[in-house]
Amino acid sequence: FIIESAGDTCTDVLGAKANQRGSMANVTHLEQKQALARQFAHILHFTLRFDELKVCSPISYPCEQRAGQSDVSVLRQRHADAEDAQRRHVKNVDVPIENTTDCLSTMASVCKVMLETPEYRSRFASEETVLFCLRVMVGVIILYDHVHPAGAFVKTCNIDMKGCIRVLKEQPPSSVEGLLNALRYTTKHLNDEATSKQIKNMLQPN
């Protein structure tokens, strides 16, 4: 659902052909596309929040609940749907994949730094702003994991995955359990052999 909803906005914000690559070039690109980047972030925030509400609501998925399926089964089905949506919406042959993944990793890094740096975090107006940044961070990680051939959990990934997970786990459990579940069950490469045991252990349910 995240991938399908992001669709064309993802291409517009993240796929523009840049003359230079690198983290600073990506930051500059995002600054130049602030309005679209903000719209993209709001799409990620909305879809993750929407999924959290669907899983937690007692009236969600009445057919699946009557059949006795667990929340994990619902999330795994969403993972399969996301793979299909990824093929239909995100993969654009006219856009170098590196441009997309570089900007996604930059967005994840910006969110992580804002959340873990007291100076920046103190500027947040409310706890809802913290949750907004957390959802955007998780959203871009999920997108990266579906778009990049090797995924987001390999050592060569530009996202500090351990740092992102650590930031999530430092929050009140009740506010981030849905986001941790999104990483556990809607990513594509978490259970690959190339994923380190430390990362797998960090995402093990308590």
N, C-alpha and C. Protein backbone atom coordinates (compact mmCIF):
# COMPACT_ATOMS: atom_id res chain seq x y z
N PHE A 1 0.84 -1.20 0.00
CA PHE A 1 0.00 0.00 0.00
C PHE A 1 0.87 1.25 0.00
N ILE A 2 1.97 1.24 0.78
CA ILE A 2 2.89 2.38 0.79
C ILE A 2 3.41 2.64 -0.61
N ILE A 3 3.89 1.58 -1.25
CA ILE A 3 4.51 1.72 -2.56
C ILE A 3 3.49 2.17 -3.58
N GLU A 4 2.30 1.58 -3.55
CA GLU A 4 1.28 1.94 -4.52
C GLU A 4 0.84 3.38 -4.33
N SER A 5 0.67 3.81 -3.09
CA SER A 5 0.20 5.16 -2.81
C SER A 5 1.25 6.20 -3.19
N ALA A 6 2.52 5.88 -2.98
CA ALA A 6 3.57 6.84 -3.27
C ALA A 6 3.68 7.12 -4.77
N GLY A 7 3.56 6.06 -5.57
CA GLY A 7 3.48 6.12 -7.01
C GLY A 7 4.23 7.23 -7.70
N ASP A 8 3.48 8.10 -8.39
CA ASP A 8 4.08 9.13 -9.23
C ASP A 8 4.84 10.16 -8.40
N THR A 9 4.39 10.44 -7.17
CA THR A 9 5.09 11.43 -6.34
C THR A 9 6.50 10.95 -6.05
N CYS A 10 6.66 9.65 -5.80
CA CYS A 10 7.99 9.09 -5.57
C CYS A 10 8.88 9.34 -6.77
N THR A 11 8.36 9.10 -7.97
CA THR A 11 9.14 9.32 -9.18
C THR A 11 9.53 10.78 -9.33
N ASP A 12 8.58 11.70 -9.09
CA ASP A 12 8.85 13.12 -9.24
C ASP A 12 9.91 13.61 -8.25
N VAL A 13 9.80 13.16 -7.00
CA VAL A 13 10.70 13.67 -5.97
C VAL A 13 12.04 12.99 -6.02
N LEU A 14 12.04 11.66 -6.17
CA LEU A 14 13.26 10.89 -5.99
C LEU A 14 13.95 10.52 -7.28
N GLY A 15 13.24 10.58 -8.39
CA GLY A 15 13.80 10.05 -9.61
C GLY A 15 14.35 11.06 -10.58
N ALA A 16 14.32 12.33 -10.22
CA ALA A 16 14.84 13.35 -11.14
C ALA A 16 16.32 13.11 -11.41
N LYS A 17 16.69 13.22 -12.66
CA LYS A 17 18.08 12.97 -13.03
C LYS A 17 18.95 14.12 -12.53
N ALA A 18 19.92 13.77 -11.71
CA ALA A 18 20.79 14.78 -11.13
C ALA A 18 22.15 14.77 -11.83
N ASN A 19 22.81 15.93 -11.86
CA ASN A 19 24.13 16.02 -12.47
C ASN A 19 25.20 15.44 -11.56
N GLN A 20 24.92 15.48 -10.24
CA GLN A 20 25.88 14.97 -9.27
C GLN A 20 25.17 13.99 -8.36
N ARG A 21 25.98 13.06 -7.81
CA ARG A 21 25.45 12.13 -6.83
C ARG A 21 26.19 12.31 -5.52
N GLY A 22 25.67 11.72 -4.47
CA GLY A 22 26.26 11.86 -3.16
C GLY A 22 25.27 12.47 -2.20
N SER A 23 25.57 12.36 -0.90
CA SER A 23 24.61 12.78 0.12
C SER A 23 24.31 14.27 0.04
N MET A 24 25.35 15.11 -0.19
CA MET A 24 25.10 16.54 -0.25
C MET A 24 24.28 16.90 -1.48
N ALA A 25 24.56 16.24 -2.60
CA ALA A 25 23.78 16.49 -3.81
C ALA A 25 22.33 16.10 -3.59
N ASN A 26 22.10 15.01 -2.87
CA ASN A 26 20.72 14.58 -2.60
C ASN A 26 20.01 15.53 -1.66
N VAL A 27 20.72 16.03 -0.66
CA VAL A 27 20.11 17.01 0.24
C VAL A 27 19.72 18.25 -0.53
N THR A 28 20.63 18.70 -1.40
CA THR A 28 20.33 19.88 -2.23
C THR A 28 19.11 19.63 -3.11
N HIS A 29 19.07 18.43 -3.72
CA HIS A 29 17.93 18.08 -4.57
C HIS A 29 16.63 18.11 -3.79
N LEU A 30 16.63 17.54 -2.57
CA LEU A 30 15.42 17.54 -1.76
C LEU A 30 15.03 18.95 -1.34
N GLU A 31 16.03 19.79 -1.07
CA GLU A 31 15.74 21.18 -0.72
C GLU A 31 15.08 21.90 -1.90
N GLN A 32 15.54 21.59 -3.10
CA GLN A 32 14.97 22.22 -4.28
C GLN A 32 13.55 21.72 -4.57
N LYS A 33 13.25 20.53 -4.09
CA LYS A 33 11.93 19.92 -4.31
C LYS A 33 11.14 19.86 -3.01
N GLN A 34 11.25 20.89 -2.19
CA GLN A 34 10.68 20.84 -0.85
C GLN A 34 9.18 20.53 -0.85
N ALA A 35 8.44 21.16 -1.72
CA ALA A 35 6.98 20.97 -1.73
C ALA A 35 6.64 19.52 -2.06
N LEU A 36 7.29 18.96 -3.08
CA LEU A 36 7.03 17.57 -3.44
C LEU A 36 7.56 16.61 -2.38
N ALA A 37 8.72 16.93 -1.82
CA ALA A 37 9.27 16.08 -0.76
C ALA A 37 8.34 16.04 0.44
N ARG A 38 7.75 17.21 0.77
CA ARG A 38 6.81 17.27 1.88
C ARG A 38 5.56 16.44 1.57
N GLN A 39 5.08 16.53 0.33
CA GLN A 39 3.91 15.75 -0.07
C GLN A 39 4.22 14.26 0.01
N PHE A 40 5.39 13.88 -0.47
CA PHE A 40 5.82 12.49 -0.41
C PHE A 40 5.88 12.00 1.03
N ALA A 41 6.46 12.82 1.93
CA ALA A 41 6.55 12.45 3.33
C ALA A 41 5.16 12.28 3.94
N HIS A 42 4.23 13.15 3.58
CA HIS A 42 2.87 13.03 4.12
C HIS A 42 2.18 11.75 3.61
N ILE A 43 2.47 11.35 2.36
CA ILE A 43 1.91 10.10 1.85
C ILE A 43 2.42 8.92 2.66
N LEU A 44 3.73 8.89 2.93
CA LEU A 44 4.30 7.81 3.73
C LEU A 44 3.71 7.80 5.14
N HIS A 45 3.63 8.98 5.74
CA HIS A 45 3.05 9.09 7.08
C HIS A 45 1.62 8.58 7.10
N PHE A 46 0.82 9.01 6.14
CA PHE A 46 -0.59 8.62 6.10
C PHE A 46 -0.75 7.11 5.93
N THR A 47 0.00 6.52 4.99
CA THR A 47 -0.20 5.10 4.73
C THR A 47 0.24 4.24 5.90
N LEU A 48 1.33 4.62 6.57
CA LEU A 48 1.76 3.84 7.73
C LEU A 48 0.78 4.00 8.89
N ARG A 49 0.31 5.21 9.10
CA ARG A 49 -0.68 5.44 10.15
C ARG A 49 -1.97 4.70 9.85
N PHE A 50 -2.37 4.71 8.59
CA PHE A 50 -3.58 4.02 8.16
C PHE A 50 -3.45 2.52 8.42
N ASP A 51 -2.29 1.95 8.08
CA ASP A 51 -2.06 0.52 8.32
C ASP A 51 -2.08 0.20 9.81
N GLU A 52 -1.49 1.08 10.63
CA GLU A 52 -1.50 0.86 12.08
C GLU A 52 -2.93 0.80 12.60
N LEU A 53 -3.76 1.72 12.13
CA LEU A 53 -5.14 1.77 12.59
C LEU A 53 -5.92 0.54 12.14
N LYS A 54 -5.64 0.07 10.92
CA LYS A 54 -6.35 -1.11 10.41
C LYS A 54 -6.01 -2.35 11.21
N VAL A 55 -4.73 -2.48 11.59
CA VAL A 55 -4.31 -3.65 12.36
C VAL A 55 -4.84 -3.60 13.78
N CYS A 56 -4.83 -2.39 14.37
CA CYS A 56 -5.20 -2.26 15.78
C CYS A 56 -6.71 -2.19 15.99
N SER A 57 -7.47 -1.76 15.00
CA SER A 57 -8.90 -1.56 15.18
C SER A 57 -9.63 -2.89 15.29
N PRO A 58 -10.56 -3.01 16.26
CA PRO A 58 -11.31 -4.26 16.39
C PRO A 58 -12.26 -4.51 15.24
N ILE A 59 -12.54 -3.48 14.42
CA ILE A 59 -13.46 -3.69 13.31
C ILE A 59 -12.69 -3.87 12.00
N SER A 60 -11.36 -3.95 12.07
CA SER A 60 -10.56 -4.10 10.86
C SER A 60 -10.66 -5.52 10.34
N TYR A 61 -10.65 -5.63 9.02
CA TYR A 61 -10.59 -6.90 8.36
C TYR A 61 -11.53 -7.94 8.98
N PRO A 62 -12.86 -7.68 9.00
CA PRO A 62 -13.76 -8.61 9.67
C PRO A 62 -13.70 -10.01 9.09
N CYS A 63 -13.50 -10.15 7.78
CA CYS A 63 -13.45 -11.48 7.18
C CYS A 63 -12.25 -12.26 7.69
N GLU A 64 -11.08 -11.57 7.76
CA GLU A 64 -9.89 -12.27 8.23
C GLU A 64 -10.00 -12.60 9.70
N GLN A 65 -10.64 -11.72 10.48
CA GLN A 65 -10.78 -12.00 11.90
C GLN A 65 -11.73 -13.18 12.13
N ARG A 66 -12.78 -13.24 11.34
CA ARG A 66 -13.69 -14.37 11.50
C ARG A 66 -12.99 -15.68 11.14
N ALA A 67 -12.03 -15.58 10.21
CA ALA A 67 -11.30 -16.79 9.82
C ALA A 67 -10.19 -17.11 10.81
N GLY A 68 -9.98 -16.22 11.79
CA GLY A 68 -8.98 -16.48 12.82
C GLY A 68 -7.56 -16.15 12.41
N GLN A 69 -7.37 -15.39 11.34
CA GLN A 69 -6.03 -15.04 10.93
C GLN A 69 -5.44 -14.01 11.88
N SER A 70 -4.12 -14.09 12.08
CA SER A 70 -3.44 -13.17 12.98
C SER A 70 -3.07 -11.91 12.25
N ASP A 71 -2.68 -10.88 13.04
CA ASP A 71 -2.21 -9.64 12.44
C ASP A 71 -1.00 -9.90 11.55
N VAL A 72 -0.16 -10.87 11.95
CA VAL A 72 1.02 -11.18 11.16
C VAL A 72 0.63 -11.66 9.78
N SER A 73 -0.41 -12.47 9.68
CA SER A 73 -0.88 -12.96 8.39
C SER A 73 -1.33 -11.81 7.51
N VAL A 74 -2.04 -10.85 8.12
CA VAL A 74 -2.50 -9.68 7.38
C VAL A 74 -1.31 -8.90 6.86
N LEU A 75 -0.29 -8.71 7.71
CA LEU A 75 0.89 -7.95 7.30
C LEU A 75 1.65 -8.68 6.21
N ARG A 76 1.73 -10.00 6.31
CA ARG A 76 2.43 -10.76 5.28
C ARG A 76 1.70 -10.67 3.94
N GLN A 77 0.36 -10.65 3.97
CA GLN A 77 -0.38 -10.49 2.74
C GLN A 77 -0.11 -9.12 2.14
N ARG A 78 -0.01 -8.12 3.01
CA ARG A 78 0.30 -6.78 2.53
C ARG A 78 1.69 -6.72 1.90
N HIS A 79 2.60 -7.55 2.43
CA HIS A 79 3.93 -7.63 1.85
C HIS A 79 3.85 -8.13 0.41
N ALA A 80 3.05 -9.17 0.17
CA ALA A 80 2.90 -9.69 -1.19
C ALA A 80 2.26 -8.65 -2.10
N ASP A 81 1.26 -7.94 -1.57
CA ASP A 81 0.63 -6.88 -2.36
C ASP A 81 1.64 -5.78 -2.69
N ALA A 82 2.51 -5.47 -1.72
CA ALA A 82 3.50 -4.41 -1.92
C ALA A 82 4.48 -4.78 -3.02
N GLU A 83 4.88 -6.06 -3.08
CA GLU A 83 5.79 -6.48 -4.14
C GLU A 83 5.17 -6.26 -5.51
N ASP A 84 3.89 -6.60 -5.64
CA ASP A 84 3.21 -6.39 -6.91
C ASP A 84 3.09 -4.91 -7.23
N ALA A 85 2.77 -4.11 -6.22
CA ALA A 85 2.66 -2.66 -6.43
C ALA A 85 3.99 -2.05 -6.80
N GLN A 86 5.06 -2.57 -6.21
CA GLN A 86 6.39 -2.06 -6.53
C GLN A 86 6.70 -2.24 -8.01
N ARG A 87 6.38 -3.38 -8.54
CA ARG A 87 6.66 -3.63 -9.95
C ARG A 87 5.84 -2.69 -10.84
N ARG A 88 4.64 -2.34 -10.41
CA ARG A 88 3.75 -1.55 -11.26
C ARG A 88 3.97 -0.05 -11.14
N HIS A 89 4.48 0.43 -9.97
CA HIS A 89 4.49 1.87 -9.73
C HIS A 89 5.86 2.49 -9.57
N VAL A 90 6.80 1.79 -8.92
CA VAL A 90 8.05 2.43 -8.58
C VAL A 90 9.12 2.22 -9.64
N LYS A 91 9.11 1.07 -10.26
CA LYS A 91 10.15 0.75 -11.23
C LYS A 91 9.92 1.55 -12.51
N ASN A 92 10.78 2.52 -12.74
CA ASN A 92 10.65 3.40 -13.91
C ASN A 92 11.92 3.27 -14.73
N VAL A 93 11.79 2.75 -15.95
CA VAL A 93 12.98 2.46 -16.75
C VAL A 93 13.72 3.72 -17.17
N ASP A 94 13.07 4.88 -17.13
CA ASP A 94 13.71 6.12 -17.54
C ASP A 94 14.51 6.78 -16.42
N VAL A 95 14.43 6.22 -15.22
CA VAL A 95 15.09 6.83 -14.07
C VAL A 95 16.15 5.88 -13.52
N PRO A 96 17.40 6.31 -13.41
CA PRO A 96 18.43 5.45 -12.82
C PRO A 96 18.05 5.05 -11.39
N ILE A 97 18.14 3.76 -11.10
CA ILE A 97 17.72 3.29 -9.78
C ILE A 97 18.55 3.93 -8.68
N GLU A 98 19.82 4.27 -8.99
CA GLU A 98 20.68 4.87 -7.97
C GLU A 98 20.15 6.22 -7.51
N ASN A 99 19.53 6.97 -8.41
CA ASN A 99 18.97 8.27 -8.01
C ASN A 99 17.88 8.09 -6.97
N THR A 100 17.02 7.10 -7.21
CA THR A 100 15.92 6.84 -6.29
C THR A 100 16.44 6.36 -4.94
N THR A 101 17.32 5.35 -4.96
CA THR A 101 17.79 4.78 -3.69
C THR A 101 18.66 5.77 -2.92
N ASP A 102 19.43 6.60 -3.63
CA ASP A 102 20.25 7.60 -2.94
C ASP A 102 19.38 8.60 -2.19
N CYS A 103 18.30 9.05 -2.84
CA CYS A 103 17.42 10.02 -2.18
C CYS A 103 16.64 9.38 -1.04
N LEU A 104 16.23 8.13 -1.21
CA LEU A 104 15.53 7.43 -0.12
C LEU A 104 16.45 7.29 1.09
N SER A 105 17.69 6.90 0.86
CA SER A 105 18.62 6.74 1.99
C SER A 105 18.92 8.08 2.64
N THR A 106 18.97 9.15 1.84
CA THR A 106 19.19 10.48 2.41
C THR A 106 18.02 10.89 3.30
N MET A 107 16.80 10.62 2.85
CA MET A 107 15.63 10.94 3.67
C MET A 107 15.64 10.17 4.98
N ALA A 108 16.01 8.88 4.92
CA ALA A 108 16.09 8.07 6.14
C ALA A 108 17.13 8.65 7.09
N SER A 109 18.27 9.05 6.55
CA SER A 109 19.34 9.60 7.38
C SER A 109 18.94 10.92 8.02
N VAL A 110 18.27 11.77 7.26
CA VAL A 110 17.82 13.06 7.80
C VAL A 110 16.85 12.83 8.94
N CYS A 111 15.89 11.92 8.76
CA CYS A 111 14.92 11.63 9.83
C CYS A 111 15.63 11.09 11.07
N LYS A 112 16.58 10.17 10.87
CA LYS A 112 17.29 9.58 12.02
C LYS A 112 18.06 10.64 12.79
N VAL A 113 18.77 11.51 12.07
CA VAL A 113 19.55 12.56 12.74
C VAL A 113 18.63 13.50 13.51
N MET A 114 17.50 13.87 12.91
CA MET A 114 16.56 14.76 13.59
C MET A 114 16.02 14.14 14.87
N LEU A 115 15.80 12.82 14.84
CA LEU A 115 15.22 12.13 15.99
C LEU A 115 16.22 11.85 17.10
N GLU A 116 17.48 11.64 16.74
CA GLU A 116 18.45 11.24 17.75
C GLU A 116 19.30 12.40 18.27
N THR A 117 19.18 13.57 17.65
CA THR A 117 19.96 14.73 18.07
C THR A 117 19.09 15.64 18.95
N PRO A 118 19.43 15.78 20.24
CA PRO A 118 18.60 16.58 21.15
C PRO A 118 18.35 18.00 20.64
N GLU A 119 19.36 18.62 20.03
CA GLU A 119 19.20 19.99 19.55
C GLU A 119 18.07 20.10 18.52
N TYR A 120 18.00 19.13 17.61
CA TYR A 120 16.96 19.16 16.59
C TYR A 120 15.62 18.71 17.16
N ARG A 121 15.67 17.66 17.96
CA ARG A 121 14.42 17.11 18.49
C ARG A 121 13.71 18.10 19.41
N SER A 122 14.46 18.94 20.08
CA SER A 122 13.86 19.92 20.99
C SER A 122 13.02 20.95 20.24
N ARG A 123 13.22 21.04 18.93
CA ARG A 123 12.46 22.00 18.13
C ARG A 123 11.11 21.45 17.70
N PHE A 124 10.87 20.15 17.89
CA PHE A 124 9.59 19.57 17.50
C PHE A 124 8.47 20.16 18.34
N ALA A 125 7.40 20.53 17.69
CA ALA A 125 6.30 21.20 18.38
C ALA A 125 5.52 20.26 19.27
N SER A 126 5.45 18.97 18.90
CA SER A 126 4.65 18.01 19.67
C SER A 126 5.17 16.60 19.43
N GLU A 127 4.64 15.67 20.22
CA GLU A 127 4.99 14.27 20.05
C GLU A 127 4.52 13.73 18.71
N GLU A 128 3.47 14.32 18.16
CA GLU A 128 2.98 13.89 16.86
C GLU A 128 4.02 14.15 15.76
N THR A 129 4.83 15.21 15.94
CA THR A 129 5.90 15.49 14.99
C THR A 129 6.97 14.39 15.05
N VAL A 130 7.24 13.90 16.26
CA VAL A 130 8.17 12.78 16.41
C VAL A 130 7.64 11.56 15.67
N LEU A 131 6.37 11.25 15.85
CA LEU A 131 5.77 10.10 15.18
C LEU A 131 5.77 10.28 13.67
N PHE A 132 5.57 11.52 13.22
CA PHE A 132 5.62 11.80 11.78
C PHE A 132 7.00 11.43 11.23
N CYS A 133 8.07 11.88 11.88
CA CYS A 133 9.42 11.57 11.43
C CYS A 133 9.70 10.07 11.48
N LEU A 134 9.23 9.41 12.52
CA LEU A 134 9.43 7.96 12.64
C LEU A 134 8.76 7.21 11.50
N ARG A 135 7.53 7.62 11.17
CA ARG A 135 6.80 6.94 10.09
C ARG A 135 7.45 7.20 8.73
N VAL A 136 7.90 8.42 8.51
CA VAL A 136 8.57 8.72 7.24
C VAL A 136 9.86 7.90 7.13
N MET A 137 10.62 7.82 8.22
CA MET A 137 11.86 7.05 8.22
C MET A 137 11.60 5.59 7.88
N VAL A 138 10.60 5.00 8.51
CA VAL A 138 10.27 3.60 8.24
C VAL A 138 9.74 3.44 6.81
N GLY A 139 8.94 4.39 6.37
CA GLY A 139 8.38 4.32 5.02
C GLY A 139 9.45 4.30 3.94
N VAL A 140 10.46 5.17 4.07
CA VAL A 140 11.50 5.21 3.04
C VAL A 140 12.38 3.96 3.11
N ILE A 141 12.54 3.40 4.31
CA ILE A 141 13.29 2.15 4.43
C ILE A 141 12.57 1.03 3.69
N ILE A 142 11.26 0.93 3.88
CA ILE A 142 10.48 -0.10 3.20
C ILE A 142 10.56 0.08 1.69
N LEU A 143 10.42 1.31 1.23
CA LEU A 143 10.54 1.57 -0.21
C LEU A 143 11.92 1.18 -0.73
N TYR A 144 12.95 1.60 -0.02
CA TYR A 144 14.32 1.27 -0.43
C TYR A 144 14.49 -0.24 -0.53
N ASP A 145 13.97 -0.96 0.45
CA ASP A 145 14.15 -2.41 0.48
C ASP A 145 13.47 -3.10 -0.70
N HIS A 146 12.37 -2.53 -1.18
CA HIS A 146 11.69 -3.10 -2.34
C HIS A 146 12.30 -2.66 -3.66
N VAL A 147 12.89 -1.48 -3.69
CA VAL A 147 13.40 -0.94 -4.95
C VAL A 147 14.83 -1.40 -5.24
N HIS A 148 15.68 -1.42 -4.22
CA HIS A 148 17.08 -1.78 -4.42
C HIS A 148 17.20 -3.30 -4.56
N PRO A 149 17.95 -3.77 -5.56
CA PRO A 149 18.07 -5.22 -5.78
C PRO A 149 18.57 -5.99 -4.56
N ALA A 150 19.49 -5.39 -3.80
CA ALA A 150 20.04 -6.07 -2.63
C ALA A 150 19.28 -5.76 -1.35
N GLY A 151 18.40 -4.77 -1.40
CA GLY A 151 17.60 -4.42 -0.23
C GLY A 151 18.28 -3.46 0.71
N ALA A 152 17.59 -3.20 1.84
CA ALA A 152 18.04 -2.19 2.80
C ALA A 152 18.83 -2.76 3.97
N PHE A 153 18.99 -4.09 4.03
CA PHE A 153 19.58 -4.68 5.23
C PHE A 153 21.01 -5.17 5.02
N VAL A 154 21.55 -5.00 3.82
CA VAL A 154 22.93 -5.44 3.57
C VAL A 154 23.91 -4.39 4.08
N LYS A 155 25.14 -4.82 4.30
CA LYS A 155 26.15 -3.91 4.85
C LYS A 155 26.46 -2.75 3.92
N THR A 156 26.30 -2.96 2.61
CA THR A 156 26.63 -1.91 1.64
C THR A 156 25.53 -0.86 1.50
N CYS A 157 24.40 -1.07 2.17
CA CYS A 157 23.29 -0.10 2.09
C CYS A 157 23.71 1.23 2.71
N ASN A 158 23.29 2.32 2.10
CA ASN A 158 23.64 3.65 2.60
C ASN A 158 22.82 4.07 3.82
N ILE A 159 21.84 3.26 4.19
CA ILE A 159 21.03 3.56 5.38
C ILE A 159 21.68 2.92 6.60
N ASP A 160 21.82 3.68 7.65
CA ASP A 160 22.31 3.14 8.93
C ASP A 160 21.16 2.38 9.59
N MET A 161 20.99 1.12 9.16
CA MET A 161 19.83 0.37 9.61
C MET A 161 19.83 0.13 11.12
N LYS A 162 20.99 -0.20 11.66
CA LYS A 162 21.07 -0.42 13.11
C LYS A 162 20.70 0.85 13.86
N GLY A 163 21.19 1.98 13.37
CA GLY A 163 20.87 3.25 14.01
C GLY A 163 19.39 3.58 13.94
N CYS A 164 18.77 3.30 12.79
CA CYS A 164 17.33 3.56 12.63
C CYS A 164 16.51 2.68 13.57
N ILE A 165 16.87 1.40 13.66
CA ILE A 165 16.15 0.50 14.56
C ILE A 165 16.35 0.93 16.01
N ARG A 166 17.57 1.36 16.32
CA ARG A 166 17.85 1.81 17.69
C ARG A 166 17.00 3.03 18.05
N VAL A 167 16.86 3.96 17.12
CA VAL A 167 16.01 5.13 17.35
C VAL A 167 14.58 4.70 17.61
N LEU A 168 14.08 3.75 16.83
CA LEU A 168 12.71 3.24 17.04
C LEU A 168 12.56 2.63 18.43
N LYS A 169 13.53 1.83 18.83
CA LYS A 169 13.42 1.12 20.10
C LYS A 169 13.60 2.03 21.31
N GLU A 170 14.10 3.24 21.07
CA GLU A 170 14.23 4.20 22.17
C GLU A 170 12.92 4.92 22.47
N GLN A 171 11.92 4.73 21.61
CA GLN A 171 10.63 5.38 21.81
C GLN A 171 9.73 4.50 22.69
N PRO A 172 8.63 5.07 23.23
CA PRO A 172 7.69 4.25 24.00
C PRO A 172 7.19 3.09 23.14
N PRO A 173 7.24 1.85 23.64
CA PRO A 173 6.87 0.68 22.84
C PRO A 173 5.49 0.77 22.20
N SER A 174 4.54 1.35 22.92
CA SER A 174 3.18 1.41 22.40
C SER A 174 3.06 2.28 21.15
N SER A 175 4.01 3.22 20.97
CA SER A 175 3.92 4.13 19.84
C SER A 175 4.66 3.63 18.60
N VAL A 176 5.53 2.65 18.77
CA VAL A 176 6.35 2.22 17.62
C VAL A 176 6.20 0.74 17.28
N GLU A 177 5.38 0.00 18.02
CA GLU A 177 5.25 -1.44 17.73
C GLU A 177 4.75 -1.67 16.32
N GLY A 178 3.81 -0.85 15.86
CA GLY A 178 3.31 -0.98 14.50
C GLY A 178 4.39 -0.71 13.47
N LEU A 179 5.29 0.23 13.74
CA LEU A 179 6.37 0.54 12.81
C LEU A 179 7.41 -0.58 12.79
N LEU A 180 7.71 -1.13 13.95
CA LEU A 180 8.63 -2.27 14.01
C LEU A 180 8.03 -3.47 13.26
N ASN A 181 6.73 -3.67 13.41
CA ASN A 181 6.07 -4.76 12.68
C ASN A 181 6.11 -4.52 11.18
N ALA A 182 6.01 -3.27 10.77
CA ALA A 182 6.10 -2.95 9.35
C ALA A 182 7.47 -3.35 8.80
N LEU A 183 8.54 -3.11 9.56
CA LEU A 183 9.87 -3.53 9.14
C LEU A 183 9.99 -5.05 9.15
N ARG A 184 9.36 -5.68 10.13
CA ARG A 184 9.46 -7.15 10.24
C ARG A 184 8.73 -7.87 9.11
N TYR A 185 7.56 -7.35 8.73
CA TYR A 185 6.66 -8.15 7.90
C TYR A 185 6.36 -7.56 6.52
N THR A 186 6.71 -6.32 6.25
CA THR A 186 6.41 -5.77 4.93
C THR A 186 7.66 -5.43 4.12
N THR A 187 8.85 -5.68 4.70
CA THR A 187 10.07 -5.55 3.92
C THR A 187 10.32 -6.84 3.14
N LYS A 188 11.22 -6.77 2.20
CA LYS A 188 11.44 -7.89 1.27
C LYS A 188 12.67 -8.72 1.61
N HIS A 189 13.70 -8.06 2.19
CA HIS A 189 15.00 -8.72 2.31
C HIS A 189 15.44 -8.99 3.74
N LEU A 190 14.59 -8.75 4.72
CA LEU A 190 15.01 -8.91 6.12
C LEU A 190 15.53 -10.32 6.40
N ASN A 191 14.87 -11.32 5.86
CA ASN A 191 15.24 -12.70 6.16
C ASN A 191 16.26 -13.28 5.19
N ASP A 192 16.84 -12.44 4.34
CA ASP A 192 17.89 -12.92 3.44
C ASP A 192 19.13 -13.33 4.22
N GLU A 193 19.92 -14.22 3.63
CA GLU A 193 21.15 -14.66 4.28
C GLU A 193 22.14 -13.51 4.46
N ALA A 194 22.07 -12.53 3.57
CA ALA A 194 23.01 -11.40 3.64
C ALA A 194 22.71 -10.45 4.80
N THR A 195 21.54 -10.55 5.39
CA THR A 195 21.19 -9.69 6.53
C THR A 195 21.90 -10.19 7.78
N SER A 196 22.55 -9.28 8.48
CA SER A 196 23.33 -9.68 9.66
C SER A 196 22.42 -10.21 10.77
N LYS A 197 22.97 -11.10 11.57
CA LYS A 197 22.22 -11.66 12.70
C LYS A 197 21.85 -10.57 13.70
N GLN A 198 22.72 -9.57 13.83
CA GLN A 198 22.44 -8.49 14.79
C GLN A 198 21.17 -7.74 14.41
N ILE A 199 21.02 -7.42 13.10
CA ILE A 199 19.83 -6.74 12.67
C ILE A 199 18.60 -7.60 12.85
N LYS A 200 18.71 -8.88 12.50
CA LYS A 200 17.59 -9.80 12.69
C LYS A 200 17.20 -9.89 14.16
N ASN A 201 18.19 -9.95 15.03
CA ASN A 201 17.91 -10.02 16.47
C ASN A 201 17.28 -8.73 16.98
N MET A 202 17.72 -7.60 16.45
CA MET A 202 17.15 -6.32 16.88
C MET A 202 15.68 -6.21 16.53
N LEU A 203 15.27 -6.90 15.47
CA LEU A 203 13.86 -6.82 15.04
C LEU A 203 13.04 -8.02 15.49
N GLN A 204 13.63 -8.87 16.32
CA GLN A 204 12.84 -9.98 16.88
C GLN A 204 11.77 -9.43 17.82
N PRO A 205 10.54 -9.92 17.71
CA PRO A 205 9.48 -9.48 18.65
C PRO A 205 9.87 -9.83 20.08
N ASN A 206 9.50 -9.00 21.01
CA ASN A 206 9.81 -9.27 22.41
C ASN A 206 8.99 -10.43 22.95
